[in-house]
PDB file of N, CA and C in Angstrom:
ATOM      1  N   MET A   1      96.237  91.489  80.562  1.00  0.00           N
ATOM      2  CA  MET A   1      97.182  91.869  81.560  1.00  0.00           C
ATOM      3  C   MET A   1      98.540  91.868  80.998  1.00  0.00           C
ATOM      4  N   GLN A   2      99.397  92.870  81.237  1.00  0.00           N
ATOM      5  CA  GLN A   2     100.708  92.897  80.928  1.00  0.00           C
ATOM      6  C   GLN A   2     101.466  93.801  81.895  1.00  0.00           C
ATOM      7  N   ILE A   3     102.515  93.206  82.455  1.00  0.00           N
ATOM      8  CA  ILE A   3     103.304  93.964  83.428  1.00  0.00           C
ATOM      9  C   ILE A   3     104.729  94.040  83.093  1.00  0.00           C
ATOM     10  N   THR A   4     105.401  94.968  83.818  1.00  0.00           N
ATOM     11  CA  THR A   4     106.844  94.983  83.386  1.00  0.00           C
ATOM     12  C   THR A   4     107.679  94.106  84.281  1.00  0.00           C
ATOM     13  N   LEU A   5     108.762  93.718  83.670  1.00  0.00           N
ATOM     14  CA  LEU A   5     109.811  92.720  84.436  1.00  0.00           C
ATOM     15  C   LEU A   5     110.021  93.316  85.839  1.00  0.00           C
ATOM     16  N   ALA A   6     110.139  94.550  86.091  1.00  0.00           N
ATOM     17  CA  ALA A   6     110.468  95.050  87.457  1.00  0.00           C
ATOM     18  C   ALA A   6     109.231  94.783  88.373  1.00  0.00           C
ATOM     19  N   GLN A   7     108.034  95.014  87.848  1.00  0.00           N
ATOM     20  CA  GLN A   7     106.846  94.730  88.667  1.00  0.00           C
ATOM     21  C   GLN A   7     106.732  93.178  88.938  1.00  0.00           C
ATOM     22  N   PHE A   8     106.988  92.331  87.855  1.00  0.00           N
ATOM     23  CA  PHE A   8     107.038  90.933  88.179  1.00  0.00           C
ATOM     24  C   PHE A   8     107.948  90.633  89.368  1.00  0.00           C
ATOM     25  N   GLU A   9     109.246  91.052  89.251  1.00  0.00           N
ATOM     26  CA  GLU A   9     110.297  90.710  90.138  1.00  0.00           C
ATOM     27  C   GLU A   9     109.851  91.252  91.606  1.00  0.00           C
ATOM     28  N   THR A  10     109.261  92.381  91.671  1.00  0.00           N
ATOM     29  CA  THR A  10     108.825  92.825  92.994  1.00  0.00           C
ATOM     30  C   THR A  10     107.844  91.883  93.547  1.00  0.00           C
ATOM     31  N   ILE A  11     106.804  91.641  92.721  1.00  0.00           N
ATOM     32  CA  ILE A  11     105.701  90.858  93.193  1.00  0.00           C
ATOM     33  C   ILE A  11     106.255  89.442  93.693  1.00  0.00           C
ATOM     34  N   ASP A  12     107.046  88.889  92.799  1.00  0.00           N
ATOM     35  CA  ASP A  12     107.673  87.593  93.126  1.00  0.00           C
ATOM     36  C   ASP A  12     108.482  87.520  94.312  1.00  0.00           C
ATOM     37  N   GLY A  13     109.315  88.573  94.527  1.00  0.00           N
ATOM     38  CA  GLY A  13     110.091  88.642  95.724  1.00  0.00           C
ATOM     39  C   GLY A  13     109.441  88.816  97.036  1.00  0.00           C
ATOM     40  N   LEU A  14     108.368  89.671  96.894  1.00  0.00           N
ATOM     41  CA  LEU A  14     107.546  89.942  98.216  1.00  0.00           C
ATOM     42  C   LEU A  14     106.711  88.650  98.501  1.00  0.00           C
ATOM     43  N   LEU A  15     106.317  87.927  97.433  1.00  0.00           N
ATOM     44  CA  LEU A  15     105.456  86.749  97.711  1.00  0.00           C
ATOM     45  C   LEU A  15     106.430  85.695  98.314  1.00  0.00           C
ATOM     46  N   SER A  16     107.649  85.664  97.813  1.00  0.00           N
ATOM     47  CA  SER A  16     108.672  84.559  98.399  1.00  0.00           C
ATOM     48  C   SER A  16     108.950  85.069  99.846  1.00  0.00           C
ATOM     49  N   SER A  17     109.049  86.310 100.049  1.00  0.00           N
ATOM     50  CA  SER A  17     109.323  86.667 101.502  1.00  0.00           C
ATOM     51  C   SER A  17     108.297  86.263 102.513  1.00  0.00           C
ATOM     52  N   LEU A  18     106.958  86.474 102.106  1.00  0.00           N
ATOM     53  CA  LEU A  18     105.880  86.048 102.828  1.00  0.00           C
ATOM     54  C   LEU A  18     105.788  84.532 103.091  1.00  0.00           C
ATOM     55  N   HIS A  19     106.169  83.812 102.056  1.00  0.00           N
ATOM     56  CA  HIS A  19     106.196  82.360 102.204  1.00  0.00           C
ATOM     57  C   HIS A  19     107.289  81.893 103.237  1.00  0.00           C
ATOM     58  N   ARG A  20     108.422  82.581 103.120  1.00  0.00           N
ATOM     59  CA  ARG A  20     109.542  82.240 104.131  1.00  0.00           C
ATOM     60  C   ARG A  20     109.171  82.620 105.521  1.00  0.00           C
ATOM     61  N   MET A  21     108.362  83.586 105.668  1.00  0.00           N
ATOM     62  CA  MET A  21     107.952  84.028 107.104  1.00  0.00           C
ATOM     63  C   MET A  21     106.959  82.958 107.762  1.00  0.00           C
ATOM     64  N   GLY A  22     106.273  82.252 106.818  1.00  0.00           N
ATOM     65  CA  GLY A  22     105.354  81.171 107.297  1.00  0.00           C
ATOM     66  C   GLY A  22     103.913  81.829 107.643  1.00  0.00           C
ATOM     67  N   ASP A  23     103.212  81.032 108.419  1.00  0.00           N
ATOM     68  CA  ASP A  23     101.773  81.650 108.728  1.00  0.00           C
ATOM     69  C   ASP A  23     101.936  82.784 109.623  1.00  0.00           C
ATOM     70  N   PHE A  24     100.903  83.711 109.420  1.00  0.00           N
ATOM     71  CA  PHE A  24     100.965  84.863 110.308  1.00  0.00           C
ATOM     72  C   PHE A  24     100.910  84.638 111.826  1.00  0.00           C
ATOM     73  N   GLU A  25     100.058  83.574 112.097  1.00  0.00           N
ATOM     74  CA  GLU A  25      99.926  83.233 113.504  1.00  0.00           C
ATOM     75  C   GLU A  25     101.044  82.723 114.257  1.00  0.00           C
ATOM     76  N   THR A  26     102.064  82.222 113.382  1.00  0.00           N
ATOM     77  CA  THR A  26     103.212  81.557 114.043  1.00  0.00           C
ATOM     78  C   THR A  26     104.571  82.346 113.605  1.00  0.00           C
ATOM     79  N   CYS A  27     104.434  83.265 112.957  1.00  0.00           N
ATOM     80  CA  CYS A  27     105.700  83.994 112.330  1.00  0.00           C
ATOM     81  C   CYS A  27     106.395  84.663 113.610  1.00  0.00           C
ATOM     82  N   ALA A  28     107.670  84.821 113.352  1.00  0.00           N
ATOM     83  CA  ALA A  28     108.522  85.513 114.409  1.00  0.00           C
ATOM     84  C   ALA A  28     108.360  86.957 114.566  1.00  0.00           C
ATOM     85  N   ASP A  29     107.969  87.587 113.326  1.00  0.00           N
ATOM     86  CA  ASP A  29     107.828  89.089 113.200  1.00  0.00           C
ATOM     87  C   ASP A  29     106.473  89.444 112.690  1.00  0.00           C
ATOM     88  N   PRO A  30     105.477  89.482 113.500  1.00  0.00           N
ATOM     89  CA  PRO A  30     104.016  89.836 112.858  1.00  0.00           C
ATOM     90  C   PRO A  30     104.007  91.132 112.255  1.00  0.00           C
ATOM     91  N   ARG A  31     104.709  92.198 112.807  1.00  0.00           N
ATOM     92  CA  ARG A  31     104.663  93.560 112.180  1.00  0.00           C
ATOM     93  C   ARG A  31     105.434  93.512 110.808  1.00  0.00           C
ATOM     94  N   GLY A  32     106.445  92.714 110.576  1.00  0.00           N
ATOM     95  CA  GLY A  32     107.087  92.561 109.231  1.00  0.00           C
ATOM     96  C   GLY A  32     106.263  91.804 108.309  1.00  0.00           C
ATOM     97  N   TYR A  33     105.443  90.881 108.793  1.00  0.00           N
ATOM     98  CA  TYR A  33     104.590  90.156 107.918  1.00  0.00           C
ATOM     99  C   TYR A  33     103.551  91.034 107.449  1.00  0.00           C
ATOM    100  N   ILE A  34     102.932  91.769 108.272  1.00  0.00           N
ATOM    101  CA  ILE A  34     101.998  92.841 107.849  1.00  0.00           C
ATOM    102  C   ILE A  34     102.485  93.962 106.918  1.00  0.00           C
ATOM    103  N   GLN A  35     103.773  94.370 107.154  1.00  0.00           N
ATOM    104  CA  GLN A  35     104.331  95.406 106.199  1.00  0.00           C
ATOM    105  C   GLN A  35     104.536  94.713 104.974  1.00  0.00           C
ATOM    106  N   THR A  36     105.097  93.535 104.754  1.00  0.00           N
ATOM    107  CA  THR A  36     105.313  92.817 103.636  1.00  0.00           C
ATOM    108  C   THR A  36     104.012  92.576 102.819  1.00  0.00           C
ATOM    109  N   SER A  37     102.998  92.191 103.494  1.00  0.00           N
ATOM    110  CA  SER A  37     101.764  91.895 102.871  1.00  0.00           C
ATOM    111  C   SER A  37     101.179  93.250 102.275  1.00  0.00           C
ATOM    112  N   ASN A  38     101.338  94.331 102.976  1.00  0.00           N
ATOM    113  CA  ASN A  38     100.766  95.594 102.511  1.00  0.00           C
ATOM    114  C   ASN A  38     101.598  96.007 101.359  1.00  0.00           C
ATOM    115  N   ARG A  39     103.044  95.837 101.235  1.00  0.00           N
ATOM    116  CA  ARG A  39     103.793  96.173 100.087  1.00  0.00           C
ATOM    117  C   ARG A  39     103.403  95.323  98.979  1.00  0.00           C
ATOM    118  N   LEU A  40     103.131  93.996  99.217  1.00  0.00           N
ATOM    119  CA  LEU A  40     102.670  93.135  98.185  1.00  0.00           C
ATOM    120  C   LEU A  40     101.343  93.585  97.543  1.00  0.00           C
ATOM    121  N   LEU A  41     100.420  93.898  98.380  1.00  0.00           N
ATOM    122  CA  LEU A  41      99.145  94.459  97.816  1.00  0.00           C
ATOM    123  C   LEU A  41      99.375  95.740  96.932  1.00  0.00           C
ATOM    124  N   ASP A  42     100.173  96.643  97.389  1.00  0.00           N
ATOM    125  CA  ASP A  42     100.407  97.838  96.736  1.00  0.00           C
ATOM    126  C   ASP A  42     101.124  97.438  95.276  1.00  0.00           C
ATOM    127  N   ALA A  43     101.893  96.408  95.365  1.00  0.00           N
ATOM    128  CA  ALA A  43     102.734  96.087  94.104  1.00  0.00           C
ATOM    129  C   ALA A  43     101.650  95.401  93.009  1.00  0.00           C
ATOM    130  N   CYS A  44     100.757  94.669  93.780  1.00  0.00           N
ATOM    131  CA  CYS A  44      99.719  94.041  92.814  1.00  0.00           C
ATOM    132  C   CYS A  44      98.733  95.079  92.241  1.00  0.00           C
ATOM    133  N   ILE A  45      98.386  96.129  93.101  1.00  0.00           N
ATOM    134  CA  ILE A  45      97.516  97.196  92.541  1.00  0.00           C
ATOM    135  C   ILE A  45      98.338  98.037  91.440  1.00  0.00           C
ATOM    136  N   ASP A  46      99.561  98.332  91.680  1.00  0.00           N
ATOM    137  CA  ASP A  46     100.339  98.929  90.544  1.00  0.00           C
ATOM    138  C   ASP A  46     100.460  98.063  89.325  1.00  0.00           C
ATOM    139  N   ALA A  47     100.510  96.753  89.525  1.00  0.00           N
ATOM    140  CA  ALA A  47     100.565  95.998  88.214  1.00  0.00           C
ATOM    141  C   ALA A  47      99.344  95.656  87.543  1.00  0.00           C
ATOM    142  N   VAL A  48      98.257  95.459  88.200  1.00  0.00           N
ATOM    143  CA  VAL A  48      97.062  95.049  87.516  1.00  0.00           C
ATOM    144  C   VAL A  48      95.750  96.040  87.788  1.00  0.00           C
ATOM    145  N   GLY A  49      96.117  96.972  88.625  1.00  0.00           N
ATOM    146  CA  GLY A  49      94.961  97.898  88.901  1.00  0.00           C
ATOM    147  C   GLY A  49      94.208  97.515  90.268  1.00  0.00           C
ATOM    148  N   TYR A  50      93.571  98.529  90.781  1.00  0.00           N
ATOM    149  CA  TYR A  50      92.877  98.352  92.061  1.00  0.00           C
ATOM    150  C   TYR A  50      91.698  97.311  91.939  1.00  0.00           C
ATOM    151  N   ASP A  51      90.807  97.434  90.911  1.00  0.00           N
ATOM    152  CA  ASP A  51      89.652  96.571  90.816  1.00  0.00           C
ATOM    153  C   ASP A  51      90.098  95.084  90.649  1.00  0.00           C
ATOM    154  N   ALA A  52      91.015  94.878  89.790  1.00  0.00           N
ATOM    155  CA  ALA A  52      91.497  93.537  89.501  1.00  0.00           C
ATOM    156  C   ALA A  52      92.125  92.828  90.860  1.00  0.00           C
ATOM    157  N   ALA A  53      92.919  93.703  91.492  1.00  0.00           N
ATOM    158  CA  ALA A  53      93.562  93.194  92.749  1.00  0.00           C
ATOM    159  C   ALA A  53      92.569  92.863  93.830  1.00  0.00           C
ATOM    160  N   CYS A  54      91.552  93.688  93.899  1.00  0.00           N
ATOM    161  CA  CYS A  54      90.546  93.523  94.985  1.00  0.00           C
ATOM    162  C   CYS A  54      89.546  92.322  94.702  1.00  0.00           C
ATOM    163  N   GLU A  55      89.646  91.701  93.516  1.00  0.00           N
ATOM    164  CA  GLU A  55      88.916  90.575  93.272  1.00  0.00           C
ATOM    165  C   GLU A  55      89.261  89.368  94.086  1.00  0.00           C
ATOM    166  N   PHE A  56      90.434  89.427  94.656  1.00  0.00           N
ATOM    167  CA  PHE A  56      91.039  88.280  95.408  1.00  0.00           C
ATOM    168  C   PHE A  56      90.928  88.563  96.811  1.00  0.00           C
ATOM    169  N   PRO A  57      90.736  87.484  97.627  1.00  0.00           N
ATOM    170  CA  PRO A  57      90.541  87.690  99.062  1.00  0.00           C
ATOM    171  C   PRO A  57      91.984  88.026  99.907  1.00  0.00           C
ATOM    172  N   SER A  58      93.011  87.993  99.281  1.00  0.00           N
ATOM    173  CA  SER A  58      94.345  88.418  99.897  1.00  0.00           C
ATOM    174  C   SER A  58      95.289  88.832  98.884  1.00  0.00           C
ATOM    175  N   ALA A  59      96.152  89.606  99.272  1.00  0.00           N
ATOM    176  CA  ALA A  59      97.289  89.936  98.374  1.00  0.00           C
ATOM    177  C   ALA A  59      98.044  88.871  98.074  1.00  0.00           C
ATOM    178  N   GLU A  60      98.278  87.850  98.965  1.00  0.00           N
ATOM    179  CA  GLU A  60      99.016  86.658  98.593  1.00  0.00           C
ATOM    180  C   GLU A  60      98.352  85.961  97.441  1.00  0.00           C
ATOM    181  N   GLU A  61      97.109  85.739  97.476  1.00  0.00           N
ATOM    182  CA  GLU A  61      96.373  85.007  96.360  1.00  0.00           C
ATOM    183  C   GLU A  61      96.552  85.744  95.144  1.00  0.00           C
ATOM    184  N   CYS A  62      96.328  87.195  95.073  1.00  0.00           N
ATOM    185  CA  CYS A  62      96.559  87.917  93.865  1.00  0.00           C
ATOM    186  C   CYS A  62      97.885  87.794  93.314  1.00  0.00           C
ATOM    187  N   ALA A  63      98.827  87.876  94.116  1.00  0.00           N
ATOM    188  CA  ALA A  63     100.295  87.786  93.751  1.00  0.00           C
ATOM    189  C   ALA A  63     100.514  86.399  93.130  1.00  0.00           C
ATOM    190  N   ALA A  64      99.950  85.326  93.742  1.00  0.00           N
ATOM    191  CA  ALA A  64     100.273  83.916  93.317  1.00  0.00           C
ATOM    192  C   ALA A  64      99.674  83.709  91.846  1.00  0.00           C
ATOM    193  N   VAL A  65      98.475  84.413  91.720  1.00  0.00           N
ATOM    194  CA  VAL A  65      97.914  84.260  90.153  1.00  0.00           C
ATOM    195  C   VAL A  65      98.710  84.996  89.316  1.00  0.00           C
ATOM    196  N   ILE A  66      99.161  86.213  89.635  1.00  0.00           N
ATOM    197  CA  ILE A  66     100.043  86.999  88.696  1.00  0.00           C
ATOM    198  C   ILE A  66     101.239  86.269  88.425  1.00  0.00           C
ATOM    199  N   VAL A  67     101.956  85.803  89.368  1.00  0.00           N
ATOM    200  CA  VAL A  67     103.218  85.091  89.141  1.00  0.00           C
ATOM    201  C   VAL A  67     102.877  83.860  88.313  1.00  0.00           C
ATOM    202  N   ALA A  68     102.042  83.070  88.619  1.00  0.00           N
ATOM    203  CA  ALA A  68     101.681  81.852  87.760  1.00  0.00           C
ATOM    204  C   ALA A  68     101.284  82.220  86.340  1.00  0.00           C
ATOM    205  N   ARG A  69     100.490  83.246  86.111  1.00  0.00           N
ATOM    206  CA  ARG A  69     100.174  83.635  84.731  1.00  0.00           C
ATOM    207  C   ARG A  69     101.431  84.138  84.017  1.00  0.00           C
ATOM    208  N   CYS A  70     102.312  84.829  84.773  1.00  0.00           N
ATOM    209  CA  CYS A  70     103.644  85.346  84.005  1.00  0.00           C
ATOM    210  C   CYS A  70     104.460  84.248  83.683  1.00  0.00           C
ATOM    211  N   LEU A  71     104.562  83.372  84.564  1.00  0.00           N
ATOM    212  CA  LEU A  71     105.621  82.138  84.350  1.00  0.00           C
ATOM    213  C   LEU A  71     105.015  81.198  83.291  1.00  0.00           C
ATOM    214  N   SER A  72     103.831  81.210  83.004  1.00  0.00           N
ATOM    215  CA  SER A  72     103.253  80.382  82.064  1.00  0.00           C
ATOM    216  C   SER A  72     102.994  81.026  80.587  1.00  0.00           C
ATOM    217  N   SER A  73     103.412  82.245  80.508  1.00  0.00           N
ATOM    218  CA  SER A  73     103.131  82.914  79.267  1.00  0.00           C
ATOM    219  C   SER A  73     104.373  83.775  78.953  1.00  0.00           C
ATOM    220  N   ALA A  74     104.709  83.784  77.703  1.00  0.00           N
ATOM    221  CA  ALA A  74     105.913  84.536  77.192  1.00  0.00           C
ATOM    222  C   ALA A  74     105.646  85.989  76.974  1.00  0.00           C
ATOM    223  N   THR A  75     104.292  86.344  76.936  1.00  0.00           N
ATOM    224  CA  THR A  75     103.993  87.547  76.359  1.00  0.00           C
ATOM    225  C   THR A  75     103.461  88.536  77.728  1.00  0.00           C
ATOM    226  N   LEU A  76     103.213  88.028  78.827  1.00  0.00           N
ATOM    227  CA  LEU A  76     102.654  88.845  79.874  1.00  0.00           C
ATOM    228  C   LEU A  76     103.559  89.787  80.485  1.00  0.00           C
ATOM    229  N   VAL A  77     104.974  89.549  80.399  1.00  0.00           N
ATOM    230  CA  VAL A  77     105.882  90.394  81.015  1.00  0.00           C
ATOM    231  C   VAL A  77     106.563  91.139  79.966  1.00  0.00           C
ATOM    232  N   MET A  78     106.626  92.487  79.981  1.00  0.00           N
ATOM    233  CA  MET A  78     107.310  93.170  78.910  1.00  0.00           C
ATOM    234  C   MET A  78     108.603  93.679  79.607  1.00  0.00           C
ATOM    235  N   VAL A  79     109.671  93.679  78.829  1.00  0.00           N
ATOM    236  CA  VAL A  79     110.945  94.172  79.337  1.00  0.00           C
ATOM    237  C   VAL A  79     110.986  95.775  78.942  1.00  0.00           C
ATOM    238  N   ALA A  80     111.083  96.544  80.017  1.00  0.00           N
ATOM    239  CA  ALA A  80     111.061  97.964  79.730  1.00  0.00           C
ATOM    240  C   ALA A  80     112.310  98.533  80.104  1.00  0.00           C
TER     241      ALA A  80
END
């Protein structure tokens, strides 16, 4: 897996936004939560492909793995 810096920043930003919103059941803006989650899934699919993204139970878990792998490796993010 290798993704661009822009893809990494998008995924990291959307994941941070979801974390700031809190749990879906108690968030102030459920529609905003769903929109952000859908955008995160799209970003994950763009970065790693549909099949790889769908191996995870949620977009949040897929994004967490992508971010963790990219932060722990100097070669997974390419500057384009």
